[in-house]
Amino acid sequence: MPKIAADGEHLTVLNLFTTDAPEKQEKLLGAMREIVDAAAYEGWISSTVHAGQDKPGTANFIQWRSTEDLEARYAGEEFKHRTLPLFGEITTSIRLLQNEIAFTQHKDADGTEISPKRDDYTSIELFGVQEADQEDLIDALGASQEWLLDVPGYRTHTVLRGLRARGIEGKFVVVYSQWDSKEAYDAFRGLPESERSEERRKVDARVAALGTWQDENTYRVVHTRAAGE
């Protein structure tokens, strides 16, 4: 079961695909499972596939030993001439994001784990940011949100510092969060501003001032595999 930790040991890659129909999402998931189950790439550690919930799409949370190992995979003939063309046929957007984990927070003592054996309702949020503001946005989305520990249904969240990407221009930050259920997450996101705590309103305003654009989807983990399995 992959674990998320801000220990600097891995390169964390998020491959995010969107599509325009549930049946195309199923085709994407099938192709991703096939790739993950056959993976034997130098430096590859694990891959965890997510199925879109609010909008059709998929996410693959991948751990690599280094950027060099990942770039060797991207340079391979299979990736260039089979994988990318296949995904290009059934997606409306492809974002390949290289990141380092900047912050993690969790309610329980087990840390942050991702697995289909768990029942997490997962949100992945993307934030565009000016390079000069990236660290401030990481702080606003991470260490400044200790109050989340008291929110009903909240389990964990991880803030990832965007390093480089295909499909996104400029700097970015990612938030990967886990919740008890869709109902708990929707209640949190839909709470009227007038009912939000002063601490939350301050953080929301800070994030809005620092971010240049935002996008998100919610997911369920459906498949995972690590090297050696």
C-alpha atoms as a PDB file:
ATOM      1  CA  MET A   1       0.000   0.000   0.000  1.00  0.00           C
ATOM      2  CA  PRO A   2       1.705   3.235  -1.137  1.00  0.00           C
ATOM      3  CA  LYS A   3       2.277   5.828   1.572  1.00  0.00           C
ATOM      4  CA  ILE A   4       2.618   9.580   1.117  1.00  0.00           C
ATOM      5  CA  ALA A   5       5.333  11.286   3.140  1.00  0.00           C
ATOM      6  CA  ALA A   6       7.161  14.591   2.878  1.00  0.00           C
ATOM      7  CA  ASP A   7      10.543  12.865   3.173  1.00  0.00           C
ATOM      8  CA  GLY A   8      12.037  13.896  -0.156  1.00  0.00           C
ATOM      9  CA  GLU A   9      12.784  10.298  -1.115  1.00  0.00           C
ATOM     10  CA  HIS A  10      10.591  10.059  -4.223  1.00  0.00           C
ATOM     11  CA  LEU A  11       9.515  12.033  -7.235  1.00  0.00           C
ATOM     12  CA  THR A  12       5.715  12.090  -7.177  1.00  0.00           C
ATOM     13  CA  VAL A  13       3.947  12.177 -10.526  1.00  0.00           C
ATOM     14  CA  LEU A  14       0.247  12.852 -11.042  1.00  0.00           C
ATOM     15  CA  ASN A  15      -1.094  11.964 -14.461  1.00  0.00           C
ATOM     16  CA  LEU A  16      -4.544  13.542 -14.794  1.00  0.00           C
ATOM     17  CA  PHE A  17      -6.811  12.741 -17.730  1.00  0.00           C
ATOM     18  CA  THR A  18     -10.242  14.148 -18.488  1.00  0.00           C
ATOM     19  CA  THR A  19     -12.765  12.748 -20.923  1.00  0.00           C
ATOM     20  CA  ASP A  20     -16.326  13.511 -21.968  1.00  0.00           C
ATOM     21  CA  ALA A  21     -18.239  10.292 -21.282  1.00  0.00           C
ATOM     22  CA  PRO A  22     -18.418   7.557 -18.609  1.00  0.00           C
ATOM     23  CA  GLU A  23     -17.709   4.827 -21.167  1.00  0.00           C
ATOM     24  CA  LYS A  24     -14.492   6.584 -22.178  1.00  0.00           C
ATOM     25  CA  GLN A  25     -13.509   6.739 -18.497  1.00  0.00           C
ATOM     26  CA  GLU A  26     -13.920   2.961 -18.315  1.00  0.00           C
ATOM     27  CA  LYS A  27     -11.735   2.547 -21.400  1.00  0.00           C
ATOM     28  CA  LEU A  28      -9.113   4.799 -19.818  1.00  0.00           C
ATOM     29  CA  LEU A  29      -9.188   2.813 -16.586  1.00  0.00           C
ATOM     30  CA  GLY A  30      -8.761  -0.444 -18.466  1.00  0.00           C
ATOM     31  CA  ALA A  31      -5.754   0.881 -20.373  1.00  0.00           C
ATOM     32  CA  MET A  32      -4.203   2.270 -17.190  1.00  0.00           C
ATOM     33  CA  ARG A  33      -4.641  -1.009 -15.308  1.00  0.00           C
ATOM     34  CA  GLU A  34      -2.953  -2.846 -18.161  1.00  0.00           C
ATOM     35  CA  ILE A  35       0.012  -0.460 -18.125  1.00  0.00           C
ATOM     36  CA  VAL A  36       0.354  -0.572 -14.331  1.00  0.00           C
ATOM     37  CA  ASP A  37       0.176  -4.374 -14.184  1.00  0.00           C
ATOM     38  CA  ALA A  38       2.902  -4.694 -16.818  1.00  0.00           C
ATOM     39  CA  ALA A  39       5.142  -1.935 -15.415  1.00  0.00           C
ATOM     40  CA  ALA A  40       8.790  -2.889 -15.013  1.00  0.00           C
ATOM     41  CA  TYR A  41      10.468   0.451 -15.650  1.00  0.00           C
ATOM     42  CA  GLU A  42      13.819   1.349 -14.140  1.00  0.00           C
ATOM     43  CA  GLY A  43      13.176   3.543 -11.098  1.00  0.00           C
ATOM     44  CA  TRP A  44       9.402   2.999 -11.024  1.00  0.00           C
ATOM     45  CA  ILE A  45       8.133   2.436  -7.464  1.00  0.00           C
ATOM     46  CA  SER A  46       4.334   2.349  -7.511  1.00  0.00           C
ATOM     47  CA  SER A  47       1.206   3.487  -9.355  1.00  0.00           C
ATOM     48  CA  THR A  48      -2.281   4.017  -7.932  1.00  0.00           C
ATOM     49  CA  VAL A  49      -5.164   4.503 -10.359  1.00  0.00           C
ATOM     50  CA  HIS A  50      -8.191   6.664  -9.482  1.00  0.00           C
ATOM     51  CA  ALA A  51     -11.606   6.834 -11.164  1.00  0.00           C
ATOM     52  CA  GLY A  52     -13.276  10.238 -11.535  1.00  0.00           C
ATOM     53  CA  GLN A  53     -16.447  10.826  -9.550  1.00  0.00           C
ATOM     54  CA  ASP A  54     -17.781  14.359 -10.094  1.00  0.00           C
ATOM     55  CA  LYS A  55     -16.492  14.490 -13.687  1.00  0.00           C
ATOM     56  CA  PRO A  56     -15.370  11.753 -16.102  1.00  0.00           C
ATOM     57  CA  GLY A  57     -11.634  11.288 -15.887  1.00  0.00           C
ATOM     58  CA  THR A  58      -8.809   9.421 -14.215  1.00  0.00           C
ATOM     59  CA  ALA A  59      -5.791  10.100 -12.043  1.00  0.00           C
ATOM     60  CA  ASN A  60      -2.639   8.055 -11.604  1.00  0.00           C
ATOM     61  CA  PHE A  61      -0.575   8.781  -8.479  1.00  0.00           C
ATOM     62  CA  ILE A  62       2.906   7.487  -9.309  1.00  0.00           C
ATOM     63  CA  GLN A  63       6.093   7.299  -7.274  1.00  0.00           C
ATOM     64  CA  TRP A  64       9.440   7.332  -9.085  1.00  0.00           C
ATOM     65  CA  ARG A  65      12.984   7.126  -7.807  1.00  0.00           C
ATOM     66  CA  SER A  66      14.082  10.201  -9.767  1.00  0.00           C
ATOM     67  CA  THR A  67      13.295  12.631 -12.564  1.00  0.00           C
ATOM     68  CA  GLU A  68      15.907  10.907 -14.729  1.00  0.00           C
ATOM     69  CA  ASP A  69      14.062   7.585 -14.476  1.00  0.00           C
ATOM     70  CA  LEU A  70      10.771   9.221 -15.410  1.00  0.00           C
ATOM     71  CA  GLU A  71      12.253  11.070 -18.375  1.00  0.00           C
ATOM     72  CA  ALA A  72      13.732   7.795 -19.628  1.00  0.00           C
ATOM     73  CA  ARG A  73      10.196   6.372 -19.591  1.00  0.00           C
ATOM     74  CA  TYR A  74       8.866   9.407 -21.494  1.00  0.00           C
ATOM     75  CA  ALA A  75      11.659   9.045 -24.075  1.00  0.00           C
ATOM     76  CA  GLY A  76      10.819   5.393 -24.727  1.00  0.00           C
ATOM     77  CA  GLU A  77       9.253   4.269 -27.979  1.00  0.00           C
ATOM     78  CA  GLU A  78       6.330   2.589 -26.201  1.00  0.00           C
ATOM     79  CA  PHE A  79       5.332   5.782 -24.412  1.00  0.00           C
ATOM     80  CA  LYS A  80       5.698   8.027 -27.465  1.00  0.00           C
ATOM     81  CA  HIS A  81       4.124   5.764 -30.064  1.00  0.00           C
ATOM     82  CA  ARG A  82       1.611   3.662 -28.127  1.00  0.00           C
ATOM     83  CA  THR A  83       0.709   5.131 -24.741  1.00  0.00           C
ATOM     84  CA  LEU A  84       0.301   8.810 -25.654  1.00  0.00           C
ATOM     85  CA  PRO A  85      -1.587   8.160 -28.925  1.00  0.00           C
ATOM     86  CA  LEU A  86      -3.940   5.750 -27.129  1.00  0.00           C
ATOM     87  CA  PHE A  87      -4.754   8.245 -24.401  1.00  0.00           C
ATOM     88  CA  GLY A  88      -5.012  11.049 -26.934  1.00  0.00           C
ATOM     89  CA  GLU A  89      -7.857   9.242 -28.682  1.00  0.00           C
ATOM     90  CA  ILE A  90     -10.104   9.017 -25.609  1.00  0.00           C
ATOM     91  CA  THR A  91      -9.240  12.085 -23.539  1.00  0.00           C
ATOM     92  CA  THR A  92     -10.137  15.752 -23.662  1.00  0.00           C
ATOM     93  CA  SER A  93      -7.028  16.808 -21.722  1.00  0.00           C
ATOM     94  CA  ILE A  94      -3.775  15.243 -20.525  1.00  0.00           C
ATOM     95  CA  ARG A  95      -1.735  16.692 -17.675  1.00  0.00           C
ATOM     96  CA  LEU A  96       1.495  14.988 -16.631  1.00  0.00           C
ATOM     97  CA  LEU A  97       2.656  16.663 -13.419  1.00  0.00           C
ATOM     98  CA  GLN A  98       6.012  16.196 -11.696  1.00  0.00           C
ATOM     99  CA  ASN A  99       5.948  17.175  -8.026  1.00  0.00           C
ATOM    100  CA  GLU A 100       7.618  16.949  -4.672  1.00  0.00           C
ATOM    101  CA  ILE A 101       5.606  16.521  -1.499  1.00  0.00           C
ATOM    102  CA  ALA A 102       5.788  19.717   0.527  1.00  0.00           C
ATOM    103  CA  PHE A 103       3.325  19.036   3.364  1.00  0.00           C
ATOM    104  CA  THR A 104       1.155  16.275   4.812  1.00  0.00           C
ATOM    105  CA  GLN A 105      -1.466  16.336   7.564  1.00  0.00           C
ATOM    106  CA  HIS A 106      -3.684  13.521   8.836  1.00  0.00           C
ATOM    107  CA  LYS A 107      -6.087  12.782  11.661  1.00  0.00           C
ATOM    108  CA  ASP A 108      -4.939   9.262  12.504  1.00  0.00           C
ATOM    109  CA  ALA A 109      -1.555   7.831  13.371  1.00  0.00           C
ATOM    110  CA  ASP A 110      -1.293   5.729  10.209  1.00  0.00           C
ATOM    111  CA  GLY A 111      -0.227   8.632   8.041  1.00  0.00           C
ATOM    112  CA  THR A 112      -1.469   9.006   4.492  1.00  0.00           C
ATOM    113  CA  GLU A 113      -2.030   5.763   2.608  1.00  0.00           C
ATOM    114  CA  ILE A 114      -3.675   5.278  -0.791  1.00  0.00           C
ATOM    115  CA  SER A 115      -5.237   1.970  -1.748  1.00  0.00           C
ATOM    116  CA  PRO A 116      -8.437   0.457  -3.167  1.00  0.00           C
ATOM    117  CA  LYS A 117      -8.656  -1.437   0.132  1.00  0.00           C
ATOM    118  CA  ARG A 118      -9.534   1.881   1.785  1.00  0.00           C
ATOM    119  CA  ASP A 119     -12.826   3.735   1.333  1.00  0.00           C
ATOM    120  CA  ASP A 120     -11.450   7.263   0.940  1.00  0.00           C
ATOM    121  CA  TYR A 121     -13.349   9.843  -1.072  1.00  0.00           C
ATOM    122  CA  THR A 122     -10.457  11.720  -2.689  1.00  0.00           C
ATOM    123  CA  SER A 123     -10.206  15.266  -4.004  1.00  0.00           C
ATOM    124  CA  ILE A 124      -7.400  16.499  -6.262  1.00  0.00           C
ATOM    125  CA  GLU A 125      -7.212  20.281  -6.659  1.00  0.00           C
ATOM    126  CA  LEU A 126      -4.863  22.145  -8.983  1.00  0.00           C
ATOM    127  CA  PHE A 127      -3.850  25.760  -8.444  1.00  0.00           C
ATOM    128  CA  GLY A 128      -1.925  27.915 -10.872  1.00  0.00           C
ATOM    129  CA  VAL A 129       0.459  30.388  -9.226  1.00  0.00           C
ATOM    130  CA  GLN A 130       3.127  32.933 -10.057  1.00  0.00           C
ATOM    131  CA  GLU A 131       6.597  31.561  -9.369  1.00  0.00           C
ATOM    132  CA  ALA A 132       7.268  34.226  -6.726  1.00  0.00           C
ATOM    133  CA  ASP A 133       4.091  33.208  -4.845  1.00  0.00           C
ATOM    134  CA  GLN A 134       4.422  29.416  -4.987  1.00  0.00           C
ATOM    135  CA  GLU A 135       5.856  28.964  -1.485  1.00  0.00           C
ATOM    136  CA  ASP A 136       3.256  31.298   0.040  1.00  0.00           C
ATOM    137  CA  LEU A 137       0.484  29.318  -1.632  1.00  0.00           C
ATOM    138  CA  ILE A 138       1.966  26.055  -0.341  1.00  0.00           C
ATOM    139  CA  ASP A 139       1.882  27.492   3.168  1.00  0.00           C
ATOM    140  CA  ALA A 140      -1.702  28.726   2.755  1.00  0.00           C
ATOM    141  CA  LEU A 141      -2.864  25.331   1.512  1.00  0.00           C
ATOM    142  CA  GLY A 142      -0.802  23.339   3.998  1.00  0.00           C
ATOM    143  CA  ALA A 143       0.495  24.472   7.379  1.00  0.00           C
ATOM    144  CA  SER A 144      -2.120  27.223   7.656  1.00  0.00           C
ATOM    145  CA  GLN A 145      -4.946  24.669   7.558  1.00  0.00           C
ATOM    146  CA  GLU A 146      -4.469  22.862  10.861  1.00  0.00           C
ATOM    147  CA  TRP A 147      -8.110  23.768  11.602  1.00  0.00           C
ATOM    148  CA  LEU A 148      -9.127  21.079   9.082  1.00  0.00           C
ATOM    149  CA  LEU A 149      -8.418  18.477  11.767  1.00  0.00           C
ATOM    150  CA  ASP A 150     -11.669  19.546  13.445  1.00  0.00           C
ATOM    151  CA  VAL A 151     -13.809  19.338  10.298  1.00  0.00           C
ATOM    152  CA  PRO A 152     -16.246  16.388  10.285  1.00  0.00           C
ATOM    153  CA  GLY A 153     -15.268  13.764   7.726  1.00  0.00           C
ATOM    154  CA  TYR A 154     -11.777  15.119   7.042  1.00  0.00           C
ATOM    155  CA  ARG A 155      -9.032  12.484   6.985  1.00  0.00           C
ATOM    156  CA  THR A 156      -5.835  13.781   5.345  1.00  0.00           C
ATOM    157  CA  HIS A 157      -4.422  16.247   2.919  1.00  0.00           C
ATOM    158  CA  THR A 158      -1.142  16.507   1.076  1.00  0.00           C
ATOM    159  CA  VAL A 159       0.272  19.582  -0.646  1.00  0.00           C
ATOM    160  CA  LEU A 160       2.541  18.972  -3.626  1.00  0.00           C
ATOM    161  CA  ARG A 161       4.961  21.525  -5.013  1.00  0.00           C
ATOM    162  CA  GLY A 162       4.725  21.518  -8.804  1.00  0.00           C
ATOM    163  CA  LEU A 163       8.139  21.171 -10.422  1.00  0.00           C
ATOM    164  CA  ARG A 164       7.418  20.786 -14.134  1.00  0.00           C
ATOM    165  CA  ALA A 165       4.543  19.581 -16.273  1.00  0.00           C
ATOM    166  CA  ARG A 166       3.174  18.631 -19.639  1.00  0.00           C
ATOM    167  CA  GLY A 167      -0.256  20.152 -20.231  1.00  0.00           C
ATOM    168  CA  ILE A 168       0.123  23.067 -17.790  1.00  0.00           C
ATOM    169  CA  GLU A 169       1.953  26.348 -18.330  1.00  0.00           C
ATOM    170  CA  GLY A 170       3.825  27.950 -15.451  1.00  0.00           C
ATOM    171  CA  LYS A 171       4.043  27.052 -11.800  1.00  0.00           C
ATOM    172  CA  PHE A 172       1.366  25.134  -9.922  1.00  0.00           C
ATOM    173  CA  VAL A 173       0.466  23.542  -6.590  1.00  0.00           C
ATOM    174  CA  VAL A 174      -1.599  20.391  -6.027  1.00  0.00           C
ATOM    175  CA  VAL A 175      -3.731  19.418  -3.029  1.00  0.00           C
ATOM    176  CA  TYR A 176      -4.575  15.723  -2.620  1.00  0.00           C
ATOM    177  CA  SER A 177      -7.109  15.219   0.189  1.00  0.00           C
ATOM    178  CA  GLN A 178      -9.015  12.248   1.601  1.00  0.00           C
ATOM    179  CA  TRP A 179     -12.459  12.304   3.209  1.00  0.00           C
ATOM    180  CA  ASP A 180     -14.851   9.874   4.880  1.00  0.00           C
ATOM    181  CA  SER A 181     -17.465  10.235   2.152  1.00  0.00           C
ATOM    182  CA  LYS A 182     -18.809  12.330  -0.695  1.00  0.00           C
ATOM    183  CA  GLU A 183     -21.430  13.704   1.708  1.00  0.00           C
ATOM    184  CA  ALA A 184     -18.760  14.926   4.148  1.00  0.00           C
ATOM    185  CA  TYR A 185     -16.712  16.530   1.376  1.00  0.00           C
ATOM    186  CA  ASP A 186     -19.699  18.202  -0.262  1.00  0.00           C
ATOM    187  CA  ALA A 187     -20.882  19.531   3.117  1.00  0.00           C
ATOM    188  CA  PHE A 188     -17.455  21.066   3.715  1.00  0.00           C
ATOM    189  CA  ARG A 189     -17.188  22.622   0.263  1.00  0.00           C
ATOM    190  CA  GLY A 190     -20.800  23.811   0.220  1.00  0.00           C
ATOM    191  CA  LEU A 191     -20.828  25.470   3.632  1.00  0.00           C
ATOM    192  CA  PRO A 192     -21.971  29.086   3.146  1.00  0.00           C
ATOM    193  CA  GLU A 193     -19.240  31.656   3.699  1.00  0.00           C
ATOM    194  CA  SER A 194     -21.277  33.259   6.482  1.00  0.00           C
ATOM    195  CA  GLU A 195     -21.110  29.978   8.424  1.00  0.00           C
ATOM    196  CA  ARG A 196     -17.386  29.387   7.940  1.00  0.00           C
ATOM    197  CA  SER A 197     -14.950  29.999  10.774  1.00  0.00           C
ATOM    198  CA  GLU A 198     -12.917  33.189  10.760  1.00  0.00           C
ATOM    199  CA  GLU A 199      -9.759  31.083  10.354  1.00  0.00           C
ATOM    200  CA  ARG A 200     -11.173  29.374   7.265  1.00  0.00           C
ATOM    201  CA  ARG A 201     -12.316  32.646   5.719  1.00  0.00           C
ATOM    202  CA  LYS A 202      -8.827  34.110   6.132  1.00  0.00           C
ATOM    203  CA  VAL A 203      -7.218  31.093   4.490  1.00  0.00           C
ATOM    204  CA  ASP A 204      -9.772  31.079   1.659  1.00  0.00           C
ATOM    205  CA  ALA A 205      -9.083  34.746   0.961  1.00  0.00           C
ATOM    206  CA  ARG A 206      -5.330  34.169   0.978  1.00  0.00           C
ATOM    207  CA  VAL A 207      -5.598  31.249  -1.452  1.00  0.00           C
ATOM    208  CA  ALA A 208      -7.866  33.264  -3.755  1.00  0.00           C
ATOM    209  CA  ALA A 209      -5.374  36.157  -3.768  1.00  0.00           C
ATOM    210  CA  LEU A 210      -2.373  33.941  -4.550  1.00  0.00           C
ATOM    211  CA  GLY A 211      -3.846  31.520  -7.071  1.00  0.00           C
ATOM    212  CA  THR A 212      -4.149  32.420 -10.755  1.00  0.00           C
ATOM    213  CA  TRP A 213      -6.522  29.573 -11.712  1.00  0.00           C
ATOM    214  CA  GLN A 214      -8.042  26.485 -10.109  1.00  0.00           C
ATOM    215  CA  ASP A 215      -9.378  23.112 -11.241  1.00  0.00           C
ATOM    216  CA  GLU A 216     -10.465  19.978  -9.392  1.00  0.00           C
ATOM    217  CA  ASN A 217     -12.165  16.616  -9.522  1.00  0.00           C
ATOM    218  CA  THR A 218     -13.021  13.919  -7.007  1.00  0.00           C
ATOM    219  CA  TYR A 219     -12.019  10.268  -7.213  1.00  0.00           C
ATOM    220  CA  ARG A 220     -12.130   6.748  -5.820  1.00  0.00           C
ATOM    221  CA  VAL A 221      -8.991   4.584  -5.856  1.00  0.00           C
ATOM    222  CA  VAL A 222      -9.603   1.512  -8.001  1.00  0.00           C
ATOM    223  CA  HIS A 223      -6.216  -0.153  -8.551  1.00  0.00           C
ATOM    224  CA  THR A 224      -2.662  -0.098  -7.248  1.00  0.00           C
ATOM    225  CA  ARG A 225       0.580  -1.964  -7.746  1.00  0.00           C
ATOM    226  CA  ALA A 226       4.165  -1.546  -6.546  1.00  0.00           C
ATOM    227  CA  ALA A 227       7.421  -2.756  -8.023  1.00  0.00           C
ATOM    228  CA  GLY A 228       8.127  -6.357  -7.109  1.00  0.00           C
ATOM    229  CA  GLU A 229       4.465  -7.332  -6.743  1.00  0.00           C
END
